[in-house]
Amino acid sequence: MAQYDVYVNPQRQSRQFVPFVVDVQSGLIDQLPTRLVLPLSRVGAVMTHLPLNLCPVVRIEGETLTIQPHLAAPVAANQLKTLVANLQSRSGDIAAALDAVLSGI
């Protein structure tokens, strides 16, 4: 598992609104049985009132989604099975979004 890998949401009941999650956990703590993930949501993807620095917009498999760092959650690593993309190229935006949640920057 690599930081910024995108997986199919392992929670089937929420997949309609959150089709994917992005792993933001540092590789320095790979030994943990969980990974910290951010939802990639269809809800809010076109809402103009969401601050872009809090909820950056990304495209995965041709679909426009918003990263939802304020909904970060741990997921058992063994539940993240279907890798679909990597958002390493957006690492600065993701880090800034997490900073906005943690420190309001």
N, C-alpha and C. Protein backbone atom coordinates (compact mmCIF):
# COMPACT_ATOMS: atom_id res chain seq x y z
N MET A 1 0.85 -1.17 0.00
CA MET A 1 0.00 0.00 0.00
C MET A 1 0.89 1.24 0.00
N ALA A 2 0.52 2.18 -0.81
CA ALA A 2 1.29 3.42 -0.90
C ALA A 2 0.42 4.60 -0.52
N GLN A 3 1.05 5.59 0.08
CA GLN A 3 0.34 6.81 0.40
C GLN A 3 -0.22 7.41 -0.89
N TYR A 4 -1.44 7.87 -0.81
CA TYR A 4 -2.20 8.48 -1.91
C TYR A 4 -2.76 7.47 -2.90
N ASP A 5 -2.68 6.19 -2.60
CA ASP A 5 -3.38 5.19 -3.42
C ASP A 5 -4.88 5.37 -3.23
N VAL A 6 -5.63 5.19 -4.31
CA VAL A 6 -7.08 5.30 -4.30
C VAL A 6 -7.66 3.91 -4.46
N TYR A 7 -8.60 3.56 -3.59
CA TYR A 7 -9.24 2.26 -3.60
C TYR A 7 -10.75 2.40 -3.72
N VAL A 8 -11.38 1.36 -4.23
CA VAL A 8 -12.84 1.28 -4.18
C VAL A 8 -13.23 1.28 -2.71
N ASN A 9 -14.24 2.07 -2.38
CA ASN A 9 -14.73 2.15 -1.00
C ASN A 9 -15.14 0.76 -0.52
N PRO A 10 -14.52 0.28 0.57
CA PRO A 10 -14.86 -1.06 1.05
C PRO A 10 -16.23 -1.14 1.73
N GLN A 11 -16.84 0.02 2.03
CA GLN A 11 -18.15 0.04 2.68
C GLN A 11 -19.24 0.08 1.60
N ARG A 12 -19.76 -1.07 1.28
CA ARG A 12 -20.72 -1.20 0.18
C ARG A 12 -21.93 -0.28 0.35
N GLN A 13 -22.41 -0.09 1.59
CA GLN A 13 -23.63 0.70 1.81
C GLN A 13 -23.44 2.18 1.50
N SER A 14 -22.21 2.69 1.51
CA SER A 14 -21.99 4.11 1.20
C SER A 14 -21.36 4.35 -0.17
N ARG A 15 -21.11 3.28 -0.92
CA ARG A 15 -20.41 3.39 -2.19
C ARG A 15 -21.15 4.22 -3.23
N GLN A 16 -22.47 4.31 -3.14
CA GLN A 16 -23.23 5.11 -4.10
C GLN A 16 -22.81 6.58 -4.04
N PHE A 17 -22.51 7.08 -2.84
CA PHE A 17 -22.14 8.48 -2.66
C PHE A 17 -20.63 8.68 -2.55
N VAL A 18 -19.95 7.64 -2.06
CA VAL A 18 -18.49 7.68 -1.87
C VAL A 18 -17.90 6.45 -2.57
N PRO A 19 -17.66 6.56 -3.87
CA PRO A 19 -17.20 5.37 -4.60
C PRO A 19 -15.76 4.96 -4.28
N PHE A 20 -14.95 5.92 -3.83
CA PHE A 20 -13.53 5.64 -3.59
C PHE A 20 -13.06 6.30 -2.31
N VAL A 21 -11.94 5.80 -1.80
CA VAL A 21 -11.24 6.42 -0.68
C VAL A 21 -9.77 6.55 -1.06
N VAL A 22 -9.10 7.58 -0.50
CA VAL A 22 -7.68 7.75 -0.75
C VAL A 22 -6.93 7.54 0.56
N ASP A 23 -5.92 6.70 0.51
CA ASP A 23 -5.06 6.39 1.66
C ASP A 23 -4.08 7.54 1.84
N VAL A 24 -4.13 8.21 3.00
CA VAL A 24 -3.23 9.33 3.25
C VAL A 24 -2.19 9.02 4.32
N GLN A 25 -2.18 7.82 4.80
CA GLN A 25 -1.28 7.45 5.89
C GLN A 25 0.15 7.33 5.39
N SER A 26 1.07 7.83 6.17
CA SER A 26 2.49 7.74 5.84
C SER A 26 2.96 6.29 5.81
N GLY A 27 3.82 6.00 4.88
CA GLY A 27 4.41 4.67 4.80
C GLY A 27 5.31 4.34 5.98
N LEU A 28 5.65 5.34 6.77
CA LEU A 28 6.50 5.11 7.94
C LEU A 28 5.80 4.27 9.00
N ILE A 29 4.47 4.19 8.92
CA ILE A 29 3.74 3.38 9.90
C ILE A 29 2.91 2.29 9.21
N ASP A 30 3.51 1.67 8.22
CA ASP A 30 2.85 0.58 7.49
C ASP A 30 2.54 -0.62 8.37
N GLN A 31 3.24 -0.76 9.49
CA GLN A 31 3.04 -1.93 10.33
C GLN A 31 1.69 -1.93 11.06
N LEU A 32 0.99 -0.79 11.07
CA LEU A 32 -0.33 -0.74 11.70
C LEU A 32 -1.34 -1.53 10.87
N PRO A 33 -2.34 -2.12 11.52
CA PRO A 33 -3.35 -2.89 10.78
C PRO A 33 -4.41 -2.02 10.11
N THR A 34 -4.34 -0.71 10.34
CA THR A 34 -5.32 0.21 9.75
C THR A 34 -4.62 1.23 8.88
N ARG A 35 -5.40 1.87 8.00
CA ARG A 35 -4.93 2.97 7.16
C ARG A 35 -5.89 4.13 7.35
N LEU A 36 -5.36 5.35 7.37
CA LEU A 36 -6.21 6.54 7.45
C LEU A 36 -6.60 6.92 6.03
N VAL A 37 -7.90 6.98 5.79
CA VAL A 37 -8.39 7.27 4.44
C VAL A 37 -9.31 8.48 4.46
N LEU A 38 -9.38 9.14 3.31
CA LEU A 38 -10.31 10.24 3.08
C LEU A 38 -11.31 9.80 2.03
N PRO A 39 -12.60 10.08 2.24
CA PRO A 39 -13.59 9.73 1.23
C PRO A 39 -13.46 10.62 -0.01
N LEU A 40 -13.73 10.04 -1.15
CA LEU A 40 -13.85 10.77 -2.42
C LEU A 40 -15.33 10.72 -2.77
N SER A 41 -15.98 11.86 -2.61
CA SER A 41 -17.44 11.91 -2.62
C SER A 41 -18.03 12.48 -3.89
N ARG A 42 -19.13 11.87 -4.31
CA ARG A 42 -19.93 12.45 -5.39
C ARG A 42 -20.74 13.62 -4.86
N VAL A 43 -21.13 13.58 -3.62
CA VAL A 43 -21.91 14.65 -3.00
C VAL A 43 -20.97 15.83 -2.77
N GLY A 44 -21.36 16.96 -3.27
CA GLY A 44 -20.54 18.15 -3.10
C GLY A 44 -19.57 18.40 -4.23
N ALA A 45 -19.48 17.49 -5.17
CA ALA A 45 -18.51 17.66 -6.25
C ALA A 45 -18.80 18.88 -7.09
N VAL A 46 -20.05 19.28 -7.17
CA VAL A 46 -20.39 20.46 -7.98
C VAL A 46 -20.92 21.61 -7.12
N MET A 47 -20.87 21.46 -5.82
CA MET A 47 -21.34 22.53 -4.94
C MET A 47 -20.29 23.63 -4.89
N THR A 48 -20.69 24.83 -5.19
CA THR A 48 -19.73 25.93 -5.22
C THR A 48 -19.43 26.51 -3.85
N HIS A 49 -20.21 26.19 -2.83
CA HIS A 49 -19.98 26.76 -1.51
C HIS A 49 -18.91 26.01 -0.70
N LEU A 50 -18.43 24.88 -1.19
CA LEU A 50 -17.36 24.18 -0.50
C LEU A 50 -16.03 24.85 -0.80
N PRO A 51 -15.25 25.19 0.22
CA PRO A 51 -13.95 25.81 -0.05
C PRO A 51 -13.03 24.81 -0.75
N LEU A 52 -12.45 25.22 -1.85
CA LEU A 52 -11.61 24.31 -2.62
C LEU A 52 -10.38 23.88 -1.84
N ASN A 53 -9.89 24.73 -0.92
CA ASN A 53 -8.74 24.30 -0.14
C ASN A 53 -9.11 23.24 0.89
N LEU A 54 -10.38 23.16 1.26
CA LEU A 54 -10.84 22.12 2.19
C LEU A 54 -11.23 20.85 1.43
N CYS A 55 -11.89 21.01 0.32
CA CYS A 55 -12.42 19.86 -0.43
C CYS A 55 -11.97 19.93 -1.89
N PRO A 56 -10.70 19.59 -2.16
CA PRO A 56 -10.23 19.66 -3.54
C PRO A 56 -11.01 18.71 -4.45
N VAL A 57 -11.16 19.13 -5.68
CA VAL A 57 -11.85 18.33 -6.69
C VAL A 57 -10.82 17.49 -7.44
N VAL A 58 -11.15 16.21 -7.65
CA VAL A 58 -10.29 15.30 -8.41
C VAL A 58 -11.13 14.54 -9.41
N ARG A 59 -10.45 13.96 -10.39
CA ARG A 59 -11.13 13.09 -11.36
C ARG A 59 -10.55 11.70 -11.23
N ILE A 60 -11.43 10.74 -10.99
CA ILE A 60 -11.05 9.34 -10.89
C ILE A 60 -11.96 8.57 -11.84
N GLU A 61 -11.34 7.80 -12.72
CA GLU A 61 -12.09 7.00 -13.70
C GLU A 61 -13.14 7.84 -14.42
N GLY A 62 -12.76 9.07 -14.78
CA GLY A 62 -13.64 9.94 -15.55
C GLY A 62 -14.74 10.62 -14.75
N GLU A 63 -14.73 10.46 -13.44
CA GLU A 63 -15.77 11.04 -12.60
C GLU A 63 -15.19 12.15 -11.73
N THR A 64 -15.91 13.25 -11.61
CA THR A 64 -15.50 14.36 -10.76
C THR A 64 -15.97 14.10 -9.33
N LEU A 65 -15.01 14.16 -8.38
CA LEU A 65 -15.29 13.86 -6.97
C LEU A 65 -14.61 14.90 -6.10
N THR A 66 -15.09 15.04 -4.87
CA THR A 66 -14.41 15.91 -3.92
C THR A 66 -13.76 15.07 -2.84
N ILE A 67 -12.57 15.49 -2.45
CA ILE A 67 -11.89 14.87 -1.32
C ILE A 67 -12.50 15.47 -0.07
N GLN A 68 -12.84 14.64 0.90
CA GLN A 68 -13.53 15.08 2.11
C GLN A 68 -12.63 14.83 3.35
N PRO A 69 -11.62 15.67 3.58
CA PRO A 69 -10.69 15.42 4.68
C PRO A 69 -11.33 15.54 6.07
N HIS A 70 -12.40 16.28 6.19
CA HIS A 70 -13.09 16.42 7.47
C HIS A 70 -13.82 15.14 7.86
N LEU A 71 -13.87 14.17 6.96
CA LEU A 71 -14.49 12.87 7.23
C LEU A 71 -13.46 11.74 7.26
N ALA A 72 -12.22 12.08 7.54
CA ALA A 72 -11.14 11.07 7.61
C ALA A 72 -11.52 9.98 8.60
N ALA A 73 -11.12 8.75 8.27
CA ALA A 73 -11.44 7.62 9.14
C ALA A 73 -10.42 6.50 8.96
N PRO A 74 -10.22 5.72 10.00
CA PRO A 74 -9.36 4.55 9.84
C PRO A 74 -10.16 3.41 9.19
N VAL A 75 -9.48 2.65 8.36
CA VAL A 75 -10.07 1.47 7.72
C VAL A 75 -9.06 0.34 7.86
N ALA A 76 -9.55 -0.84 8.14
CA ALA A 76 -8.65 -2.00 8.20
C ALA A 76 -7.94 -2.14 6.86
N ALA A 77 -6.63 -2.24 6.92
CA ALA A 77 -5.83 -2.32 5.69
C ALA A 77 -6.28 -3.46 4.79
N ASN A 78 -6.67 -4.57 5.39
CA ASN A 78 -7.07 -5.73 4.58
C ASN A 78 -8.40 -5.54 3.87
N GLN A 79 -9.12 -4.44 4.16
CA GLN A 79 -10.37 -4.15 3.45
C GLN A 79 -10.13 -3.34 2.18
N LEU A 80 -8.95 -2.76 2.05
CA LEU A 80 -8.63 -1.96 0.86
C LEU A 80 -8.06 -2.90 -0.19
N LYS A 81 -8.90 -3.33 -1.09
CA LYS A 81 -8.53 -4.39 -2.02
C LYS A 81 -8.36 -3.95 -3.46
N THR A 82 -9.25 -3.11 -3.96
CA THR A 82 -9.24 -2.78 -5.38
C THR A 82 -8.62 -1.41 -5.60
N LEU A 83 -7.35 -1.41 -6.01
CA LEU A 83 -6.61 -0.19 -6.30
C LEU A 83 -7.03 0.34 -7.67
N VAL A 84 -7.37 1.64 -7.73
CA VAL A 84 -7.83 2.20 -9.00
C VAL A 84 -6.99 3.37 -9.50
N ALA A 85 -6.24 4.02 -8.62
CA ALA A 85 -5.46 5.19 -9.04
C ALA A 85 -4.48 5.56 -7.93
N ASN A 86 -3.70 6.59 -8.19
CA ASN A 86 -2.83 7.17 -7.18
C ASN A 86 -2.88 8.69 -7.35
N LEU A 87 -2.99 9.40 -6.24
CA LEU A 87 -3.10 10.86 -6.27
C LEU A 87 -1.83 11.54 -5.76
N GLN A 88 -0.69 10.90 -5.90
CA GLN A 88 0.58 11.50 -5.49
C GLN A 88 0.76 12.87 -6.12
N SER A 89 0.34 13.04 -7.35
CA SER A 89 0.48 14.34 -8.03
C SER A 89 -0.34 15.43 -7.36
N ARG A 90 -1.30 15.06 -6.53
CA ARG A 90 -2.14 16.02 -5.80
C ARG A 90 -1.79 16.06 -4.32
N SER A 91 -0.63 15.54 -3.95
CA SER A 91 -0.27 15.46 -2.53
C SER A 91 -0.27 16.82 -1.85
N GLY A 92 0.15 17.87 -2.53
CA GLY A 92 0.15 19.21 -1.94
C GLY A 92 -1.26 19.68 -1.62
N ASP A 93 -2.20 19.43 -2.52
CA ASP A 93 -3.60 19.81 -2.29
C ASP A 93 -4.21 19.02 -1.14
N ILE A 94 -3.87 17.73 -1.08
CA ILE A 94 -4.40 16.88 -0.01
C ILE A 94 -3.83 17.31 1.34
N ALA A 95 -2.53 17.58 1.40
CA ALA A 95 -1.90 18.04 2.64
C ALA A 95 -2.50 19.38 3.07
N ALA A 96 -2.74 20.27 2.12
CA ALA A 96 -3.33 21.57 2.45
C ALA A 96 -4.75 21.40 2.98
N ALA A 97 -5.50 20.46 2.42
CA ALA A 97 -6.86 20.20 2.89
C ALA A 97 -6.84 19.66 4.32
N LEU A 98 -5.91 18.76 4.60
CA LEU A 98 -5.78 18.25 5.97
C LEU A 98 -5.36 19.35 6.92
N ASP A 99 -4.47 20.23 6.48
CA ASP A 99 -4.07 21.38 7.30
C ASP A 99 -5.26 22.28 7.59
N ALA A 100 -6.14 22.45 6.62
CA ALA A 100 -7.33 23.28 6.82
C ALA A 100 -8.22 22.68 7.90
N VAL A 101 -8.32 21.36 7.94
CA VAL A 101 -9.12 20.70 8.97
C VAL A 101 -8.44 20.82 10.33
N LEU A 102 -7.14 20.59 10.37
CA LEU A 102 -6.44 20.55 11.66
C LEU A 102 -6.13 21.91 12.24
N SER A 103 -5.78 22.88 11.39
CA SER A 103 -5.33 24.15 11.93
C SER A 103 -6.06 25.37 11.36
N GLY A 104 -6.97 25.15 10.44
CA GLY A 104 -7.72 26.25 9.86
C GLY A 104 -6.94 27.08 8.87
N ILE A 105 -5.80 26.57 8.45
CA ILE A 105 -4.94 27.32 7.50
C ILE A 105 -5.52 27.19 6.11
